[in-house]
């Protein structure tokens, strides 16, 4: 067959006269536009060039104050910049707008000097009513010298806040750097009764949220260990099926490291869940339903050129996607690519399900 190649030079049957006229009618360029600059990086360079003694009296324009959260984020991985930001924020905090104060604290709450400056400032002028709850109501406890997670966890425990409601209750930004450490600290303080009382639907939504993967992994592993006992296909027909779906999104295949924290029977069910999804994707409803019965016997699935190889140990079944009327069988030692003629072929007739089931019972010694 002759290959059709795209021409190197295009020739149109008509000329875009109207478009060219519109281009010709454009006004001449008055000035060149300079490329966009990352302004907070420029400000960071400027801060590094100012002597520390002058930073204690340095004033910032309102537009520059909007960049403070970005500077804090960059300073967290830049110790020299962090040292200068500490000096700057300590003297600058009282003069910031309330909105900027909240953003600064969200990203620098674990900086003790910033907390001290904020505490002194709010002692004279308390936070506004528009401030988030953790600041408006609890600033005197959270801005103390000890790590803020400790006092936040105490507040959460006193008010019996569910794990999935931590951030909404506090009004804390989910992007705050201390969110993960707060969740993990709170997790250590929770007892099984606290977790058993959680609403299943809300827990599932939390597990699928943007909360830190570390806390979602701990919660998911605990639920699976606590409630899923014994490897049974019935689990995949129960509400707990949702948890294995979440686990696959969170941890990936059952062979990956995320599942290692779970018991062997949980990993087995996760493997069945993965195989079931593959069977459903490959087969029509009838064949999928039949093979699903034998999930506990399937060791591995592999797809090769629209053929699904189903490893059952001694034997390997070869199902073609489009050939629904037959199923090839190979002894495990005879499987090689490209596939040769199968050792056996099972035909699907009028009562194929009963026939296949009888043969499978003999083959698997069930």
Protein backbone atom coordinates (compact mmCIF):
# COMPACT_ATOMS: atom_id res chain seq x y z
CA UNK A 1 0.00 0.00 0.00
CA UNK A 2 1.37 3.40 -0.99
CA UNK A 3 2.07 5.73 1.94
CA UNK A 4 0.35 9.09 1.82
CA UNK A 5 2.71 11.77 3.10
CA UNK A 6 1.80 15.22 4.29
CA UNK A 7 3.11 17.79 1.77
CA UNK A 8 6.11 19.85 2.81
CA UNK A 9 4.62 22.98 1.26
CA UNK A 10 0.96 23.79 1.55
CA UNK A 11 -0.95 25.50 -1.23
CA UNK A 12 -4.46 26.75 -0.58
CA UNK A 13 -7.19 26.99 -3.17
CA UNK A 14 -7.95 30.51 -1.95
CA UNK A 15 -6.06 33.37 -0.33
CA UNK A 16 -7.11 34.58 3.18
CA UNK A 17 -7.60 38.14 1.93
CA UNK A 18 -9.85 39.29 4.79
CA UNK A 19 -7.43 38.00 7.42
CA UNK A 20 -4.48 39.71 5.74
CA UNK A 21 -6.43 42.96 5.51
CA UNK A 22 -7.20 42.81 9.24
CA UNK A 23 -3.53 42.23 10.03
CA UNK A 24 -2.45 45.12 7.80
CA UNK A 25 -4.95 47.39 9.58
CA UNK A 26 -3.43 46.82 13.01
CA UNK A 27 -1.77 49.82 14.64
CA UNK A 28 2.01 49.78 14.75
CA UNK A 29 3.65 48.54 17.97
CA UNK A 30 4.36 51.48 20.29
CA UNK A 31 6.64 49.65 22.73
CA UNK A 32 8.08 46.24 23.37
CA UNK A 33 6.61 44.21 26.20
CA UNK A 34 9.20 42.99 28.67
CA UNK A 35 9.01 39.32 29.64
CA UNK A 36 7.08 38.49 32.80
CA UNK A 37 9.21 38.32 35.91
CA UNK A 38 8.64 36.30 39.04
CA UNK A 39 8.29 39.28 41.40
CA UNK A 40 8.63 37.38 44.67
CA UNK A 41 11.99 35.99 43.51
CA UNK A 42 13.13 39.51 42.73
CA UNK A 43 12.00 40.60 46.20
CA UNK A 44 13.86 37.67 47.76
CA UNK A 45 17.07 38.77 46.02
CA UNK A 46 16.50 42.29 47.29
CA UNK A 47 16.07 41.06 50.87
CA UNK A 48 19.31 39.10 50.68
CA UNK A 49 21.17 42.26 49.67
CA UNK A 50 19.89 44.36 52.61
CA UNK A 51 21.96 44.33 55.84
CA UNK A 52 20.11 42.59 58.68
CA UNK A 53 20.29 45.69 60.86
CA UNK A 54 18.28 47.65 58.29
CA UNK A 55 15.67 44.91 57.97
CA UNK A 56 14.49 45.71 61.50
CA UNK A 57 13.30 49.10 60.29
CA UNK A 58 12.47 48.24 56.70
CA UNK A 59 9.05 49.18 55.39
CA UNK A 60 7.19 47.36 52.64
CA UNK A 61 4.67 48.68 50.16
CA UNK A 62 1.21 47.10 50.22
CA UNK A 63 1.82 45.36 46.90
CA UNK A 64 5.01 43.82 48.27
CA UNK A 65 3.21 42.62 51.41
CA UNK A 66 1.00 40.45 49.21
CA UNK A 67 4.13 38.47 48.30
CA UNK A 68 5.04 37.60 51.90
CA UNK A 69 3.41 34.12 51.85
CA UNK A 70 5.39 33.21 48.73
CA UNK A 71 8.60 34.40 50.39
CA UNK A 72 7.82 32.30 53.46
CA UNK A 73 7.34 29.20 51.32
CA UNK A 74 10.66 29.79 49.58
CA UNK A 75 12.39 30.55 52.90
CA UNK A 76 11.41 27.16 54.31
CA UNK A 77 14.04 25.56 52.08
CA UNK A 78 16.45 28.51 52.19
CA UNK A 79 17.95 29.02 55.71
CA UNK A 80 19.66 32.40 54.97
CA UNK A 81 16.40 33.79 53.58
CA UNK A 82 14.45 32.32 56.51
CA UNK A 83 16.70 34.15 58.96
CA UNK A 84 16.01 37.46 57.23
CA UNK A 85 12.29 36.76 56.92
CA UNK A 86 12.13 36.12 60.66
CA UNK A 87 13.68 39.52 61.33
CA UNK A 88 11.42 41.25 58.83
CA UNK A 89 8.15 39.65 59.99
CA UNK A 90 8.92 40.20 63.68
CA UNK A 91 8.85 43.98 63.33
CA UNK A 92 6.48 44.16 60.36
CA UNK A 93 3.62 41.95 61.63
CA UNK A 94 1.64 44.59 63.62
CA UNK A 95 1.44 46.88 60.57
CA UNK A 96 0.11 44.21 58.18
CA UNK A 97 -3.51 44.10 57.13
CA UNK A 98 -5.56 41.44 58.97
CA UNK A 99 -5.93 39.42 55.78
CA UNK A 100 -2.17 39.38 55.25
CA UNK A 101 -1.60 38.52 58.92
CA UNK A 102 -3.76 35.41 58.55
CA UNK A 103 -1.92 34.30 55.42
CA UNK A 104 1.48 34.90 57.03
CA UNK A 105 0.55 32.87 60.10
CA UNK A 106 -0.87 30.04 57.97
CA UNK A 107 2.53 29.53 56.36
CA UNK A 108 4.81 30.52 59.27
CA UNK A 109 2.88 29.31 62.30
CA UNK A 110 5.70 26.94 63.22
CA UNK A 111 8.18 29.85 63.40
CA UNK A 112 8.45 30.74 67.09
CA UNK A 113 9.58 34.36 66.49
CA UNK A 114 6.59 35.02 64.24
CA UNK A 115 4.20 33.52 66.82
CA UNK A 116 5.72 35.70 69.53
CA UNK A 117 5.34 38.86 67.44
CA UNK A 118 1.74 37.90 66.57
CA UNK A 119 0.89 37.23 70.23
CA UNK A 120 2.22 40.64 71.26
CA UNK A 121 0.35 42.35 68.44
CA UNK A 122 -2.99 40.62 69.18
CA UNK A 123 -2.62 41.39 72.89
CA UNK A 124 -3.08 45.04 71.95
CA UNK A 125 -5.39 44.59 68.96
CA UNK A 126 -7.25 41.22 68.98
CA UNK A 127 -7.86 39.42 65.66
CA UNK A 128 -10.79 40.65 63.61
CA UNK A 129 -14.13 38.86 63.55
CA UNK A 130 -13.40 37.80 59.97
CA UNK A 131 -10.38 35.77 61.08
CA UNK A 132 -10.60 31.94 60.94
CA UNK A 133 -11.77 30.21 64.17
CA UNK A 134 -8.32 28.99 65.22
CA UNK A 135 -7.10 32.59 65.29
CA UNK A 136 -10.24 34.48 66.27
CA UNK A 137 -11.12 32.25 69.24
CA UNK A 138 -7.98 30.34 70.20
CA UNK A 139 -5.05 32.64 69.42
CA UNK A 140 -3.94 32.89 73.05
CA UNK A 141 -3.39 29.12 73.22
CA UNK A 142 -2.08 28.46 69.72
CA UNK A 143 0.44 31.32 69.64
CA UNK A 144 2.21 30.22 72.81
CA UNK A 145 5.95 29.30 72.75
CA UNK A 146 5.38 25.52 72.50
CA UNK A 147 4.82 23.95 69.07
CA UNK A 148 1.35 24.97 67.83
CA UNK A 149 0.38 21.38 66.97
CA UNK A 150 0.39 20.50 70.68
CA UNK A 151 -2.17 23.13 71.61
CA UNK A 152 -4.25 22.50 68.49
CA UNK A 153 -4.43 18.79 69.30
CA UNK A 154 -5.52 19.62 72.85
CA UNK A 155 -8.29 21.83 71.49
CA UNK A 156 -9.39 19.13 69.06
CA UNK A 157 -9.49 16.53 71.83
CA UNK A 158 -11.42 18.82 74.19
CA UNK A 159 -14.06 19.41 71.52
CA UNK A 160 -14.07 15.79 70.24
CA UNK A 161 -13.56 16.92 66.65
CA UNK A 162 -13.75 14.03 64.13
CA UNK A 163 -10.60 13.39 62.15
CA UNK A 164 -12.25 14.31 58.85
CA UNK A 165 -13.42 17.67 60.28
CA UNK A 166 -10.09 18.94 61.65
CA UNK A 167 -9.38 21.63 59.06
CA UNK A 168 -12.98 22.94 58.71
CA UNK A 169 -13.33 23.18 62.49
CA UNK A 170 -10.10 25.12 62.86
CA UNK A 171 -10.55 27.09 59.64
CA UNK A 172 -6.93 26.26 58.80
CA UNK A 173 -5.75 26.43 55.20
CA UNK A 174 -5.20 22.94 53.72
CA UNK A 175 -2.01 24.31 52.12
CA UNK A 176 -0.44 25.32 55.45
CA UNK A 177 2.91 23.50 55.84
CA UNK A 178 2.03 22.23 59.32
CA UNK A 179 -1.17 20.42 58.23
CA UNK A 180 0.48 17.01 57.91
CA UNK A 181 2.22 17.20 61.29
CA UNK A 182 -1.06 18.35 62.88
CA UNK A 183 -2.98 15.38 61.47
CA UNK A 184 -0.30 12.91 62.56
CA UNK A 185 -0.13 14.41 66.06
CA UNK A 186 -3.91 14.19 66.39
CA UNK A 187 -3.90 10.62 65.08
CA UNK A 188 -1.57 9.59 67.92
CA UNK A 189 -4.07 10.94 70.46
CA UNK A 190 -7.13 9.20 69.04
CA UNK A 191 -8.34 5.92 70.51
CA UNK A 192 -10.28 3.15 68.70
CA UNK A 193 -13.61 4.34 70.09
CA UNK A 194 -13.10 7.74 68.46
CA UNK A 195 -12.49 6.08 65.09
CA UNK A 196 -15.31 3.54 65.39
CA UNK A 197 -17.82 6.34 65.82
CA UNK A 198 -16.96 7.98 62.48
CA UNK A 199 -19.56 8.12 59.71
CA UNK A 200 -18.62 5.72 56.88
CA UNK A 201 -19.64 8.06 54.07
CA UNK A 202 -17.72 10.99 55.50
CA UNK A 203 -14.69 8.78 56.09
CA UNK A 204 -14.73 7.68 52.44
CA UNK A 205 -14.92 11.30 51.28
CA UNK A 206 -11.97 12.14 53.55
CA UNK A 207 -9.96 9.21 52.17
CA UNK A 208 -10.57 10.54 48.65
CA UNK A 209 -9.80 14.15 49.60
CA UNK A 210 -6.58 16.14 49.23
CA UNK A 211 -5.60 15.51 52.86
CA UNK A 212 -1.97 14.38 53.28
CA UNK A 213 -1.49 10.81 51.98
CA UNK A 214 0.24 9.83 55.23
CA UNK A 215 -2.88 10.34 57.37
CA UNK A 216 -5.20 8.88 54.75
CA UNK A 217 -2.99 5.78 54.58
CA UNK A 218 -3.07 5.34 58.35
CA UNK A 219 -6.83 5.67 58.52
CA UNK A 220 -7.47 3.33 55.59
CA UNK A 221 -5.08 0.67 56.94
CA UNK A 222 -6.72 0.85 60.39
CA UNK A 223 -10.25 0.42 58.99
CA UNK A 224 -9.23 -2.54 56.81
CA UNK A 225 -7.41 -4.24 59.68
CA UNK A 226 -10.26 -3.60 62.10
CA UNK A 227 -13.25 -4.57 59.98
CA UNK A 228 -12.12 -6.88 57.17
CA UNK A 229 -11.44 -10.29 58.68
CA UNK A 230 -10.82 -13.29 56.47
CA UNK A 231 -10.44 -13.45 52.70
CA UNK A 232 -13.87 -13.82 51.11
CA UNK A 233 -15.37 -12.70 47.81
CA UNK A 234 -18.35 -11.43 49.81
CA UNK A 235 -16.24 -8.42 50.80
CA UNK A 236 -16.31 -7.21 47.19
CA UNK A 237 -20.12 -7.25 47.32
CA UNK A 238 -20.24 -5.24 50.57
CA UNK A 239 -19.75 -1.51 51.30
CA UNK A 240 -16.10 -2.29 52.06
CA UNK A 241 -15.55 -2.67 48.32
CA UNK A 242 -15.27 1.14 48.27
CA UNK A 243 -12.25 0.94 50.58
CA UNK A 244 -10.38 -1.36 48.19
CA UNK A 245 -11.16 1.02 45.35
CA UNK A 246 -9.71 3.88 47.41
CA UNK A 247 -6.73 1.71 48.34
CA UNK A 248 -5.94 1.08 44.69
CA UNK A 249 -5.97 4.82 43.99
CA UNK A 250 -3.92 5.59 47.09
CA UNK A 251 -1.42 2.72 47.10
CA UNK A 252 -1.61 1.26 43.61
CA UNK A 253 -1.31 -2.46 42.85
CA UNK A 254 -1.44 -4.92 45.80
CA UNK A 255 2.19 -5.80 45.08
CA UNK A 256 3.34 -2.27 45.93
CA UNK A 257 4.69 -1.17 49.30
CA UNK A 258 1.58 0.70 50.49
CA UNK A 259 -0.26 -2.59 51.08
CA UNK A 260 2.51 -4.04 53.25
CA UNK A 261 0.99 -2.51 56.37
CA UNK A 262 -2.10 -4.72 55.81
CA UNK A 263 -2.63 -8.37 56.70
CA UNK A 264 -2.21 -11.11 54.09
CA UNK A 265 -5.98 -11.66 53.67
CA UNK A 266 -6.51 -7.96 52.94
CA UNK A 267 -3.81 -8.01 50.28
CA UNK A 268 -5.47 -11.12 48.83
CA UNK A 269 -8.83 -9.34 48.54
CA UNK A 270 -7.05 -6.35 46.97
CA UNK A 271 -5.60 -8.70 44.35
CA UNK A 272 -9.06 -10.12 43.64
CA UNK A 273 -10.38 -6.59 43.27
CA UNK A 274 -7.63 -5.77 40.76
CA UNK A 275 -8.25 -8.97 38.79
CA UNK A 276 -12.00 -8.38 38.82
CA UNK A 277 -11.56 -4.94 37.27
CA UNK A 278 -9.35 -6.42 34.55
CA UNK A 279 -11.88 -9.16 33.79
CA UNK A 280 -14.73 -6.65 33.63
CA UNK A 281 -12.73 -4.44 31.28
CA UNK A 282 -11.88 -7.32 28.92
CA UNK A 283 -15.02 -9.46 28.86
CA UNK A 284 -18.70 -9.05 28.12
CA UNK A 285 -21.09 -9.35 31.08
CA UNK A 286 -21.67 -13.11 30.69
CA UNK A 287 -18.04 -14.20 30.50
CA UNK A 288 -17.02 -11.72 33.19
CA UNK A 289 -19.66 -13.07 35.57
CA UNK A 290 -18.52 -16.65 35.02
CA UNK A 291 -14.81 -15.96 35.54
CA UNK A 292 -15.51 -13.82 38.61
CA UNK A 293 -16.52 -17.00 40.46
CA UNK A 294 -12.96 -18.27 40.08
CA UNK A 295 -11.16 -15.16 41.29
CA UNK A 296 -9.65 -17.01 44.30
CA UNK A 297 -7.88 -19.40 41.90
CA UNK A 298 -6.45 -16.77 39.53
CA UNK A 299 -2.81 -16.10 40.23
CA UNK A 300 -2.05 -13.64 37.48
CA UNK A 301 -3.58 -11.96 34.43
CA UNK A 302 -1.68 -10.86 31.33
CA UNK A 303 -3.02 -9.36 28.12
CA UNK A 304 -1.25 -10.07 24.82
CA UNK A 305 -2.68 -8.85 21.50
CA UNK A 306 -6.34 -9.01 22.51
CA UNK A 307 -5.82 -12.33 24.28
CA UNK A 308 -6.21 -12.50 28.06
CA UNK A 309 -4.02 -15.14 29.70
CA UNK A 310 -5.51 -16.34 32.98
CA UNK A 311 -2.93 -18.13 35.13
CA UNK A 312 -4.57 -20.79 37.34
CA UNK A 313 -1.38 -22.52 38.39
CA UNK A 314 -0.96 -25.78 36.46
CA UNK A 315 -3.12 -24.53 33.61
CA UNK A 316 -3.40 -21.21 31.77
CA UNK A 317 -6.62 -20.20 30.02
CA UNK A 318 -6.39 -18.05 26.86
CA UNK A 319 -9.51 -16.03 26.13
CA UNK A 320 -9.76 -13.97 22.97
CA UNK A 321 -11.61 -10.69 23.22
CA UNK A 322 -13.67 -11.22 20.08
CA UNK A 323 -13.90 -15.06 20.05
CA UNK A 324 -16.60 -15.70 22.63
CA UNK A 325 -17.42 -19.28 21.58
CA UNK A 326 -14.18 -20.97 22.61
CA UNK A 327 -11.50 -20.89 25.31
CA UNK A 328 -8.01 -22.27 24.79
CA UNK A 329 -6.12 -24.09 27.55
CA UNK A 330 -2.35 -24.50 27.91
CA UNK A 331 -0.37 -26.44 30.42
CA UNK A 332 1.69 -23.89 32.30
CA UNK A 333 4.96 -25.28 30.96
CA UNK A 334 3.65 -24.99 27.35
CA UNK A 335 2.88 -21.26 27.44
CA UNK A 336 5.24 -19.23 25.26
CA UNK A 337 4.95 -16.24 22.97
CA UNK A 338 3.85 -16.22 20.26
CA UNK A 339 1.11 -18.59 21.38
CA UNK A 340 0.94 -21.96 19.63
CA UNK A 341 -2.03 -24.29 19.31
CA UNK A 342 -3.60 -24.84 22.74
CA UNK A 343 -3.48 -28.20 24.50
CA UNK A 344 -7.27 -28.14 24.85
CA UNK A 345 -10.16 -26.07 23.51
CA UNK A 346 -13.45 -25.68 25.37
CA UNK A 347 -16.44 -24.80 23.20
CA UNK A 348 -19.31 -22.65 24.40
CA UNK A 349 -22.58 -24.27 23.49
CA UNK A 350 -26.10 -23.85 24.80
CA UNK A 351 -25.28 -25.06 28.32
CA UNK A 352 -21.64 -24.02 28.39
CA UNK A 353 -21.72 -22.62 31.91
CA UNK A 354 -22.63 -25.95 33.46
CA UNK A 355 -20.16 -27.79 31.23
CA UNK A 356 -17.32 -25.37 32.00
CA UNK A 357 -18.09 -25.47 35.70
CA UNK A 358 -17.87 -29.27 35.78
CA UNK A 359 -14.55 -29.21 33.93
CA UNK A 360 -13.19 -26.48 36.18
CA UNK A 361 -14.16 -28.46 39.28
CA UNK A 362 -12.17 -31.41 37.98
CA UNK A 363 -9.28 -29.24 36.91
CA UNK A 364 -9.03 -27.34 40.18
CA UNK A 365 -9.96 -30.36 42.32
CA UNK A 366 -12.64 -28.30 44.04
